PDB file of N, CA and C in Angstrom:
ATOM      1  N   UNK A   1     242.800 331.466 103.571  1.00  0.00           N
ATOM      2  CA  UNK A   1     243.064 331.223 102.163  1.00  0.00           C
ATOM      3  C   UNK A   1     242.728 332.487 101.374  1.00  0.00           C
ATOM      4  N   UNK A   2     243.570 332.852 100.449  1.00  0.00           N
ATOM      5  CA  UNK A   2     243.332 334.054  99.666  1.00  0.00           C
ATOM      6  C   UNK A   2     242.726 333.686  98.305  1.00  0.00           C
ATOM      7  N   UNK A   3     242.082 334.661  97.704  1.00  0.00           N
ATOM      8  CA  UNK A   3     241.448 334.465  96.400  1.00  0.00           C
ATOM      9  C   UNK A   3     242.521 334.249  95.335  1.00  0.00           C
ATOM     10  N   UNK A   4     242.263 333.299  94.461  1.00  0.00           N
ATOM     11  CA  UNK A   4     243.094 333.153  93.271  1.00  0.00           C
ATOM     12  C   UNK A   4     242.160 332.962  92.085  1.00  0.00           C
ATOM     13  N   UNK A   5     242.609 333.435  90.934  1.00  0.00           N
ATOM     14  CA  UNK A   5     241.841 333.296  89.700  1.00  0.00           C
ATOM     15  C   UNK A   5     242.782 332.714  88.663  1.00  0.00           C
ATOM     16  N   UNK A   6     242.419 331.531  88.170  1.00  0.00           N
ATOM     17  CA  UNK A   6     243.253 330.880  87.156  1.00  0.00           C
ATOM     18  C   UNK A   6     242.485 330.836  85.847  1.00  0.00           C
ATOM     19  N   UNK A   7     243.202 330.967  84.745  1.00  0.00           N
ATOM     20  CA  UNK A   7     242.527 330.972  83.442  1.00  0.00           C
ATOM     21  C   UNK A   7     241.936 329.615  83.093  1.00  0.00           C
ATOM     22  N   UNK A   8     240.772 329.647  82.489  1.00  0.00           N
ATOM     23  CA  UNK A   8     240.111 328.482  81.911  1.00  0.00           C
ATOM     24  C   UNK A   8     239.922 328.782  80.437  1.00  0.00           C
ATOM     25  N   UNK A   9     240.286 327.878  79.585  1.00  0.00           N
ATOM     26  CA  UNK A   9     240.097 328.089  78.136  1.00  0.00           C
ATOM     27  C   UNK A   9     240.776 329.369  77.659  1.00  0.00           C
ATOM     28  N   UNK A  10     242.029 329.516  77.986  1.00  0.00           N
ATOM     29  CA  UNK A  10     242.757 330.710  77.557  1.00  0.00           C
ATOM     30  C   UNK A  10     242.352 331.921  78.362  1.00  0.00           C
ATOM     31  N   UNK A  11     242.176 333.024  77.688  1.00  0.00           N
ATOM     32  CA  UNK A  11     241.861 334.267  78.379  1.00  0.00           C
ATOM     33  C   UNK A  11     240.371 334.548  78.455  1.00  0.00           C
ATOM     34  N   UNK A  12     239.522 333.602  78.047  1.00  0.00           N
ATOM     35  CA  UNK A  12     238.084 333.845  78.030  1.00  0.00           C
ATOM     36  C   UNK A  12     237.463 333.785  79.423  1.00  0.00           C
ATOM     37  N   UNK A  13     237.805 332.775  80.215  1.00  0.00           N
ATOM     38  CA  UNK A  13     237.172 332.574  81.520  1.00  0.00           C
ATOM     39  C   UNK A  13     238.223 332.379  82.591  1.00  0.00           C
ATOM     40  N   UNK A  14     237.856 332.762  83.820  1.00  0.00           N
ATOM     41  CA  UNK A  14     238.721 332.553  84.965  1.00  0.00           C
ATOM     42  C   UNK A  14     237.966 331.821  86.054  1.00  0.00           C
ATOM     43  N   UNK A  15     238.632 330.893  86.724  1.00  0.00           N
ATOM     44  CA  UNK A  15     238.025 330.149  87.829  1.00  0.00           C
ATOM     45  C   UNK A  15     238.512 330.751  89.143  1.00  0.00           C
ATOM     46  N   UNK A  16     237.564 331.171  89.979  1.00  0.00           N
ATOM     47  CA  UNK A  16     237.868 331.798  91.257  1.00  0.00           C
ATOM     48  C   UNK A  16     237.863 330.728  92.343  1.00  0.00           C
ATOM     49  N   UNK A  17     238.892 330.715  93.174  1.00  0.00           N
ATOM     50  CA  UNK A  17     238.942 329.805  94.323  1.00  0.00           C
ATOM     51  C   UNK A  17     239.441 330.577  95.537  1.00  0.00           C
ATOM     52  N   UNK A  18     239.295 329.949  96.699  1.00  0.00           N
ATOM     53  CA  UNK A  18     239.754 330.570  97.929  1.00  0.00           C
ATOM     54  C   UNK A  18     238.762 331.525  98.546  1.00  0.00           C
ATOM     55  N   UNK A  19     237.481 331.326  98.252  1.00  0.00           N
ATOM     56  CA  UNK A  19     236.454 332.258  98.711  1.00  0.00           C
ATOM     57  C   UNK A  19     235.131 331.531  98.875  1.00  0.00           C
ATOM     58  N   UNK A  20     234.450 331.785  99.987  1.00  0.00           N
ATOM     59  CA  UNK A  20     233.095 331.289 100.174  1.00  0.00           C
ATOM     60  C   UNK A  20     232.134 332.440  99.915  1.00  0.00           C
ATOM     61  N   UNK A  21     231.262 332.275  98.932  1.00  0.00           N
ATOM     62  CA  UNK A  21     230.286 333.314  98.613  1.00  0.00           C
ATOM     63  C   UNK A  21     229.135 333.336  99.607  1.00  0.00           C
ATOM     64  N   UNK A  22     229.041 332.327 100.470  1.00  0.00           N
ATOM     65  CA  UNK A  22     227.960 332.262 101.449  1.00  0.00           C
ATOM     66  C   UNK A  22     228.188 333.230 102.604  1.00  0.00           C
ATOM     67  N   UNK A  23     229.425 333.651 102.808  1.00  0.00           N
ATOM     68  CA  UNK A  23     229.759 334.578 103.894  1.00  0.00           C
ATOM     69  C   UNK A  23     229.994 335.966 103.315  1.00  0.00           C
ATOM     70  N   UNK A  24     229.846 337.000 104.143  1.00  0.00           N
ATOM     71  CA  UNK A  24     230.162 338.345 103.651  1.00  0.00           C
ATOM     72  C   UNK A  24     231.623 338.413 103.192  1.00  0.00           C
ATOM     73  N   UNK A  25     231.870 339.190 102.144  1.00  0.00           N
ATOM     74  CA  UNK A  25     233.241 339.330 101.652  1.00  0.00           C
ATOM     75  C   UNK A  25     233.710 340.760 101.894  1.00  0.00           C
ATOM     76  N   UNK A  26     235.027 340.915 102.087  1.00  0.00           N
ATOM     77  CA  UNK A  26     235.555 342.250 102.372  1.00  0.00           C
ATOM     78  C   UNK A  26     235.912 342.984 101.088  1.00  0.00           C
ATOM     79  N   UNK A  27     236.257 344.260 101.232  1.00  0.00           N
ATOM     80  CA  UNK A  27     236.534 345.114 100.068  1.00  0.00           C
ATOM     81  C   UNK A  27     237.707 344.602  99.242  1.00  0.00           C
ATOM     82  N   UNK A  28     238.702 343.995  99.887  1.00  0.00           N
ATOM     83  CA  UNK A  28     239.830 343.483  99.104  1.00  0.00           C
ATOM     84  C   UNK A  28     239.403 342.308  98.239  1.00  0.00           C
ATOM     85  N   UNK A  29     238.487 341.460  98.760  1.00  0.00           N
ATOM     86  CA  UNK A  29     237.956 340.360  97.957  1.00  0.00           C
ATOM     87  C   UNK A  29     237.125 340.900  96.790  1.00  0.00           C
ATOM     88  N   UNK A  30     236.308 341.923  97.066  1.00  0.00           N
ATOM     89  CA  UNK A  30     235.524 342.554  96.001  1.00  0.00           C
ATOM     90  C   UNK A  30     236.462 343.103  94.932  1.00  0.00           C
ATOM     91  N   UNK A  31     237.547 343.746  95.356  1.00  0.00           N
ATOM     92  CA  UNK A  31     238.519 344.290  94.411  1.00  0.00           C
ATOM     93  C   UNK A  31     239.163 343.210  93.559  1.00  0.00           C
ATOM     94  N   UNK A  32     239.480 342.061  94.174  1.00  0.00           N
ATOM     95  CA  UNK A  32     240.081 340.956  93.418  1.00  0.00           C
ATOM     96  C   UNK A  32     239.093 340.404  92.392  1.00  0.00           C
ATOM     97  N   UNK A  33     237.819 340.309  92.764  1.00  0.00           N
ATOM     98  CA  UNK A  33     236.793 339.816  91.832  1.00  0.00           C
ATOM     99  C   UNK A  33     236.594 340.827  90.702  1.00  0.00           C
ATOM    100  N   UNK A  34     236.572 342.115  91.044  1.00  0.00           N
ATOM    101  CA  UNK A  34     236.440 343.142  90.006  1.00  0.00           C
ATOM    102  C   UNK A  34     237.612 343.078  89.023  1.00  0.00           C
ATOM    103  N   UNK A  35     238.822 342.862  89.538  1.00  0.00           N
ATOM    104  CA  UNK A  35     239.987 342.721  88.659  1.00  0.00           C
ATOM    105  C   UNK A  35     239.824 341.498  87.756  1.00  0.00           C
ATOM    106  N   UNK A  36     239.263 340.417  88.306  1.00  0.00           N
ATOM    107  CA  UNK A  36     238.986 339.227  87.504  1.00  0.00           C
ATOM    108  C   UNK A  36     237.959 339.501  86.422  1.00  0.00           C
ATOM    109  N   UNK A  37     236.938 340.321  86.748  1.00  0.00           N
ATOM    110  CA  UNK A  37     235.932 340.674  85.744  1.00  0.00           C
ATOM    111  C   UNK A  37     236.536 341.536  84.647  1.00  0.00           C
ATOM    112  N   UNK A  38     237.547 342.329  84.990  1.00  0.00           N
ATOM    113  CA  UNK A  38     238.238 343.127  83.976  1.00  0.00           C
ATOM    114  C   UNK A  38     239.095 342.243  83.072  1.00  0.00           C
ATOM    115  N   UNK A  39     239.643 341.173  83.640  1.00  0.00           N
ATOM    116  CA  UNK A  39     240.578 340.321  82.901  1.00  0.00           C
ATOM    117  C   UNK A  39     239.883 339.245  82.062  1.00  0.00           C
ATOM    118  N   UNK A  40     238.708 338.791  82.499  1.00  0.00           N
ATOM    119  CA  UNK A  40     238.028 337.668  81.858  1.00  0.00           C
ATOM    120  C   UNK A  40     236.590 338.029  81.493  1.00  0.00           C
ATOM    121  N   UNK A  41     236.075 337.400  80.442  1.00  0.00           N
ATOM    122  CA  UNK A  41     234.673 337.604  80.052  1.00  0.00           C
ATOM    123  C   UNK A  41     233.726 336.899  81.015  1.00  0.00           C
ATOM    124  N   UNK A  42     234.185 335.798  81.629  1.00  0.00           N
ATOM    125  CA  UNK A  42     233.365 334.979  82.525  1.00  0.00           C
ATOM    126  C   UNK A  42     234.203 334.600  83.736  1.00  0.00           C
ATOM    127  N   UNK A  43     233.603 334.693  84.929  1.00  0.00           N
ATOM    128  CA  UNK A  43     234.226 334.152  86.131  1.00  0.00           C
ATOM    129  C   UNK A  43     233.400 332.965  86.614  1.00  0.00           C
ATOM    130  N   UNK A  44     234.084 331.877  86.961  1.00  0.00           N
ATOM    131  CA  UNK A  44     233.428 330.661  87.425  1.00  0.00           C
ATOM    132  C   UNK A  44     233.715 330.505  88.912  1.00  0.00           C
ATOM    133  N   UNK A  45     232.643 330.330  89.700  1.00  0.00           N
ATOM    134  CA  UNK A  45     232.739 330.067  91.135  1.00  0.00           C
ATOM    135  C   UNK A  45     232.164 328.674  91.355  1.00  0.00           C
ATOM    136  N   UNK A  46     233.017 327.677  91.487  1.00  0.00           N
ATOM    137  CA  UNK A  46     232.542 326.291  91.620  1.00  0.00           C
ATOM    138  C   UNK A  46     232.115 325.972  93.045  1.00  0.00           C
ATOM    139  N   UNK A  47     231.147 325.040  93.137  1.00  0.00           N
ATOM    140  CA  UNK A  47     230.714 324.479  94.424  1.00  0.00           C
ATOM    141  C   UNK A  47     230.380 325.564  95.440  1.00  0.00           C
ATOM    142  N   UNK A  48     229.479 326.440  95.071  1.00  0.00           N
ATOM    143  CA  UNK A  48     229.048 327.540  95.941  1.00  0.00           C
ATOM    144  C   UNK A  48     227.538 327.448  96.172  1.00  0.00           C
ATOM    145  N   UNK A  49     227.103 326.514  97.025  1.00  0.00           N
ATOM    146  CA  UNK A  49     225.665 326.444  97.311  1.00  0.00           C
ATOM    147  C   UNK A  49     225.237 327.690  98.092  1.00  0.00           C
ATOM    148  N   UNK A  50     224.286 328.425  97.548  1.00  0.00           N
ATOM    149  CA  UNK A  50     223.852 329.681  98.152  1.00  0.00           C
ATOM    150  C   UNK A  50     222.344 329.712  98.313  1.00  0.00           C
ATOM    151  N   UNK A  51     221.907 330.334  99.401  1.00  0.00           N
ATOM    152  CA  UNK A  51     220.484 330.647  99.521  1.00  0.00           C
ATOM    153  C   UNK A  51     220.210 331.856  98.631  1.00  0.00           C
ATOM    154  N   UNK A  52     218.940 332.127  98.385  1.00  0.00           N
ATOM    155  CA  UNK A  52     218.591 333.314  97.601  1.00  0.00           C
ATOM    156  C   UNK A  52     219.157 334.568  98.263  1.00  0.00           C
ATOM    157  N   UNK A  53     219.037 334.657  99.584  1.00  0.00           N
ATOM    158  CA  UNK A  53     219.509 335.828 100.319  1.00  0.00           C
ATOM    159  C   UNK A  53     221.025 335.982 100.196  1.00  0.00           C
ATOM    160  N   UNK A  54     221.776 334.875 100.248  1.00  0.00           N
ATOM    161  CA  UNK A  54     223.230 334.932 100.109  1.00  0.00           C
ATOM    162  C   UNK A  54     223.631 335.378  98.713  1.00  0.00           C
ATOM    163  N   UNK A  55     222.922 334.904  97.698  1.00  0.00           N
ATOM    164  CA  UNK A  55     223.249 335.323  96.334  1.00  0.00           C
ATOM    165  C   UNK A  55     222.985 336.812  96.153  1.00  0.00           C
ATOM    166  N   UNK A  56     221.882 337.301  96.699  1.00  0.00           N
ATOM    167  CA  UNK A  56     221.571 338.729  96.614  1.00  0.00           C
ATOM    168  C   UNK A  56     222.638 339.540  97.341  1.00  0.00           C
ATOM    169  N   UNK A  57     223.020 339.112  98.552  1.00  0.00           N
ATOM    170  CA  UNK A  57     224.041 339.830  99.328  1.00  0.00           C
ATOM    171  C   UNK A  57     225.364 339.875  98.571  1.00  0.00           C
ATOM    172  N   UNK A  58     225.768 338.753  97.969  1.00  0.00           N
ATOM    173  CA  UNK A  58     227.014 338.727  97.203  1.00  0.00           C
ATOM    174  C   UNK A  58     226.949 339.701  96.034  1.00  0.00           C
ATOM    175  N   UNK A  59     225.866 339.667  95.287  1.00  0.00           N
ATOM    176  CA  UNK A  59     225.735 340.491  94.092  1.00  0.00           C
ATOM    177  C   UNK A  59     225.708 341.981  94.428  1.00  0.00           C
ATOM    178  N   UNK A  60     225.161 342.337  95.593  1.00  0.00           N
ATOM    179  CA  UNK A  60     225.107 343.746  95.996  1.00  0.00           C
ATOM    180  C   UNK A  60     226.492 344.355  96.200  1.00  0.00           C
ATOM    181  N   UNK A  61     227.524 343.524  96.341  1.00  0.00           N
ATOM    182  CA  UNK A  61     228.892 344.038  96.453  1.00  0.00           C
ATOM    183  C   UNK A  61     229.336 344.765  95.188  1.00  0.00           C
ATOM    184  N   UNK A  62     228.643 344.545  94.085  1.00  0.00           N
ATOM    185  CA  UNK A  62     229.072 345.057  92.791  1.00  0.00           C
ATOM    186  C   UNK A  62     228.144 346.120  92.228  1.00  0.00           C
ATOM    187  N   UNK A  63     227.222 346.587  93.035  1.00  0.00           N
ATOM    188  CA  UNK A  63     226.346 347.672  92.593  1.00  0.00           C
ATOM    189  C   UNK A  63     224.879 347.339  92.794  1.00  0.00           C
ATOM    190  N   UNK A  64     224.058 348.280  92.408  1.00  0.00           N
ATOM    191  CA  UNK A  64     222.613 348.164  92.533  1.00  0.00           C
ATOM    192  C   UNK A  64     222.100 347.041  91.633  1.00  0.00           C
ATOM    193  N   UNK A  65     221.145 346.275  92.152  1.00  0.00           N
ATOM    194  CA  UNK A  65     220.564 345.189  91.369  1.00  0.00           C
ATOM    195  C   UNK A  65     219.499 345.706  90.413  1.00  0.00           C
ATOM    196  N   UNK A  66     219.504 345.128  89.241  1.00  0.00           N
ATOM    197  CA  UNK A  66     218.442 345.364  88.276  1.00  0.00           C
ATOM    198  C   UNK A  66     217.598 344.098  88.266  1.00  0.00           C
ATOM    199  N   UNK A  67     216.367 344.182  88.741  1.00  0.00           N
ATOM    200  CA  UNK A  67     215.544 342.983  88.915  1.00  0.00           C
ATOM    201  C   UNK A  67     214.583 342.799  87.743  1.00  0.00           C
ATOM    202  N   UNK A  68     214.456 341.549  87.340  1.00  0.00           N
ATOM    203  CA  UNK A  68     213.461 341.144  86.353  1.00  0.00           C
ATOM    204  C   UNK A  68     212.517 340.184  87.075  1.00  0.00           C
ATOM    205  N   UNK A  69     211.238 340.427  86.984  1.00  0.00           N
ATOM    206  CA  UNK A  69     210.266 339.660  87.762  1.00  0.00           C
ATOM    207  C   UNK A  69     210.224 338.193  87.358  1.00  0.00           C
ATOM    208  N   UNK A  70     209.975 337.357  88.337  1.00  0.00           N
ATOM    209  CA  UNK A  70     209.688 335.953  88.085  1.00  0.00           C
ATOM    210  C   UNK A  70     208.492 335.586  88.949  1.00  0.00           C
ATOM    211  N   UNK A  71     207.892 334.455  88.715  1.00  0.00           N
ATOM    212  CA  UNK A  71     206.615 334.131  89.340  1.00  0.00           C
ATOM    213  C   UNK A  71     206.705 333.863  90.830  1.00  0.00           C
ATOM    214  N   UNK A  72     207.747 333.163  91.313  1.00  0.00           N
ATOM    215  CA  UNK A  72     207.818 332.783  92.723  1.00  0.00           C
ATOM    216  C   UNK A  72     209.075 333.329  93.372  1.00  0.00           C
ATOM    217  N   UNK A  73     209.042 333.416  94.687  1.00  0.00           N
ATOM    218  CA  UNK A  73     210.248 333.736  95.443  1.00  0.00           C
ATOM    219  C   UNK A  73     210.712 335.162  95.256  1.00  0.00           C
ATOM    220  N   UNK A  74     212.005 335.329  95.269  1.00  0.00           N
ATOM    221  CA  UNK A  74     212.627 336.644  95.159  1.00  0.00           C
ATOM    222  C   UNK A  74     212.614 337.121  93.714  1.00  0.00           C
ATOM    223  N   UNK A  75     211.989 338.243  93.491  1.00  0.00           N
ATOM    224  CA  UNK A  75     211.973 338.815  92.144  1.00  0.00           C
ATOM    225  C   UNK A  75     213.394 339.101  91.670  1.00  0.00           C
ATOM    226  N   UNK A  76     214.293 339.426  92.615  1.00  0.00           N
ATOM    227  CA  UNK A  76     215.665 339.765  92.256  1.00  0.00           C
ATOM    228  C   UNK A  76     216.399 338.620  91.575  1.00  0.00           C
ATOM    229  N   UNK A  77     215.967 337.379  91.808  1.00  0.00           N
ATOM    230  CA  UNK A  77     216.698 336.229  91.308  1.00  0.00           C
ATOM    231  C   UNK A  77     216.210 335.730  89.959  1.00  0.00           C
ATOM    232  N   UNK A  78     215.221 336.373  89.374  1.00  0.00           N
ATOM    233  CA  UNK A  78     214.799 335.986  88.035  1.00  0.00           C
ATOM    234  C   UNK A  78     215.967 336.115  87.073  1.00  0.00           C
ATOM    235  N   UNK A  79     216.654 337.208  87.153  1.00  0.00           N
ATOM    236  CA  UNK A  79     217.872 337.449  86.390  1.00  0.00           C
ATOM    237  C   UNK A  79     218.621 338.551  87.115  1.00  0.00           C
ATOM    238  N   UNK A  80     219.694 338.187  87.806  1.00  0.00           N
ATOM    239  CA  UNK A  80     220.448 339.182  88.558  1.00  0.00           C
ATOM    240  C   UNK A  80     221.443 339.882  87.648  1.00  0.00           C
ATOM    241  N   UNK A  81     221.463 341.165  87.737  1.00  0.00           N
ATOM    242  CA  UNK A  81     222.481 341.940  87.040  1.00  0.00           C
ATOM    243  C   UNK A  81     222.891 343.077  87.943  1.00  0.00           C
ATOM    244  N   UNK A  82     224.162 343.323  88.041  1.00  0.00           N
ATOM    245  CA  UNK A  82     224.671 344.412  88.848  1.00  0.00           C
ATOM    246  C   UNK A  82     225.535 345.293  87.963  1.00  0.00           C
ATOM    247  N   UNK A  83     225.272 346.568  87.971  1.00  0.00           N
ATOM    248  CA  UNK A  83     226.060 347.502  87.168  1.00  0.00           C
ATOM    249  C   UNK A  83     226.862 348.374  88.100  1.00  0.00           C
ATOM    250  N   UNK A  84     228.154 348.242  88.064  1.00  0.00           N
ATOM    251  CA  UNK A  84     229.026 349.045  88.901  1.00  0.00           C
ATOM    252  C   UNK A  84     229.465 350.305  88.184  1.00  0.00           C
ATOM    253  N   UNK A  85     230.033 351.236  88.914  1.00  0.00           N
ATOM    254  CA  UNK A  85     230.415 352.509  88.329  1.00  0.00           C
ATOM    255  C   UNK A  85     231.622 352.418  87.397  1.00  0.00           C
ATOM    256  N   UNK A  86     232.512 351.438  87.611  1.00  0.00           N
ATOM    257  CA  UNK A  86     233.743 351.374  86.840  1.00  0.00           C
ATOM    258  C   UNK A  86     233.673 350.318  85.751  1.00  0.00           C
ATOM    259  N   UNK A  87     233.088 349.182  86.071  1.00  0.00           N
ATOM    260  CA  UNK A  87     233.051 348.080  85.124  1.00  0.00           C
ATOM    261  C   UNK A  87     231.642 347.912  84.594  1.00  0.00           C
ATOM    262  N   UNK A  88     231.496 347.149  83.554  1.00  0.00           N
ATOM    263  CA  UNK A  88     230.209 346.943  82.907  1.00  0.00           C
ATOM    264  C   UNK A  88     229.316 345.994  83.681  1.00  0.00           C
ATOM    265  N   UNK A  89     228.258 345.538  83.058  1.00  0.00           N
ATOM    266  CA  UNK A  89     227.288 344.674  83.726  1.00  0.00           C
ATOM    267  C   UNK A  89     227.889 343.353  84.184  1.00  0.00           C
ATOM    268  N   UNK A  90     227.441 342.890  85.319  1.00  0.00           N
ATOM    269  CA  UNK A  90     227.807 341.593  85.861  1.00  0.00           C
ATOM    270  C   UNK A  90     226.517 340.816  85.972  1.00  0.00           C
ATOM    271  N   UNK A  91     226.448 339.629  85.432  1.00  0.00           N
ATOM    272  CA  UNK A  91     225.213 338.862  85.461  1.00  0.00           C
ATOM    273  C   UNK A  91     225.461 337.506  86.077  1.00  0.00           C
ATOM    274  N   UNK A  92     224.618 337.133  87.021  1.00  0.00           N
ATOM    275  CA  UNK A  92     224.646 335.788  87.587  1.00  0.00           C
ATOM    276  C   UNK A  92     223.563 335.012  86.876  1.00  0.00           C
ATOM    277  N   UNK A  93     223.939 334.157  85.956  1.00  0.00           N
ATOM    278  CA  UNK A  93     222.942 333.511  85.109  1.00  0.00           C
ATOM    279  C   UNK A  93     222.553 332.120  85.575  1.00  0.00           C
ATOM    280  N   UNK A  94     223.299 331.533  86.520  1.00  0.00           N
ATOM    281  CA  UNK A  94     222.939 330.184  86.961  1.00  0.00           C
ATOM    282  C   UNK A  94     222.887 330.159  88.472  1.00  0.00           C
ATOM    283  N   UNK A  95     221.707 330.172  89.001  1.00  0.00           N
ATOM    284  CA  UNK A  95     221.505 330.146  90.445  1.00  0.00           C
ATOM    285  C   UNK A  95     221.251 328.707  90.898  1.00  0.00           C
ATOM    286  N   UNK A  96     222.142 328.196  91.746  1.00  0.00           N
ATOM    287  CA  UNK A  96     222.001 326.845  92.323  1.00  0.00           C
ATOM    288  C   UNK A  96     221.754 325.790  91.264  1.00  0.00           C
ATOM    289  N   UNK A  97     222.483 325.834  90.173  1.00  0.00           N
ATOM    290  CA  UNK A  97     222.276 324.821  89.139  1.00  0.00           C
ATOM    291  C   UNK A  97     223.237 323.680  89.301  1.00  0.00           C
TER     292      UNK A  97
END
């Protein structure tokens, strides 16, 4: 199955399907997600149960992590942000919610 991104609420958000974030993703998938980030203010990945390690691995596809400390577990997951060289900040604001 290939990645598709369909608009949600006009041009503000896009819903990504055809991808499991729990597994490593290839460069073409990263490119499709980056194109989605260029096209939409928000990308939605539904039904993606991830471990902390899987979320960190996924986010590293988009650049170096900027970590904000939290009291327990992985400091990286307090607030994940990845800044890539071409596009602006990417933030994962809801982990396993």
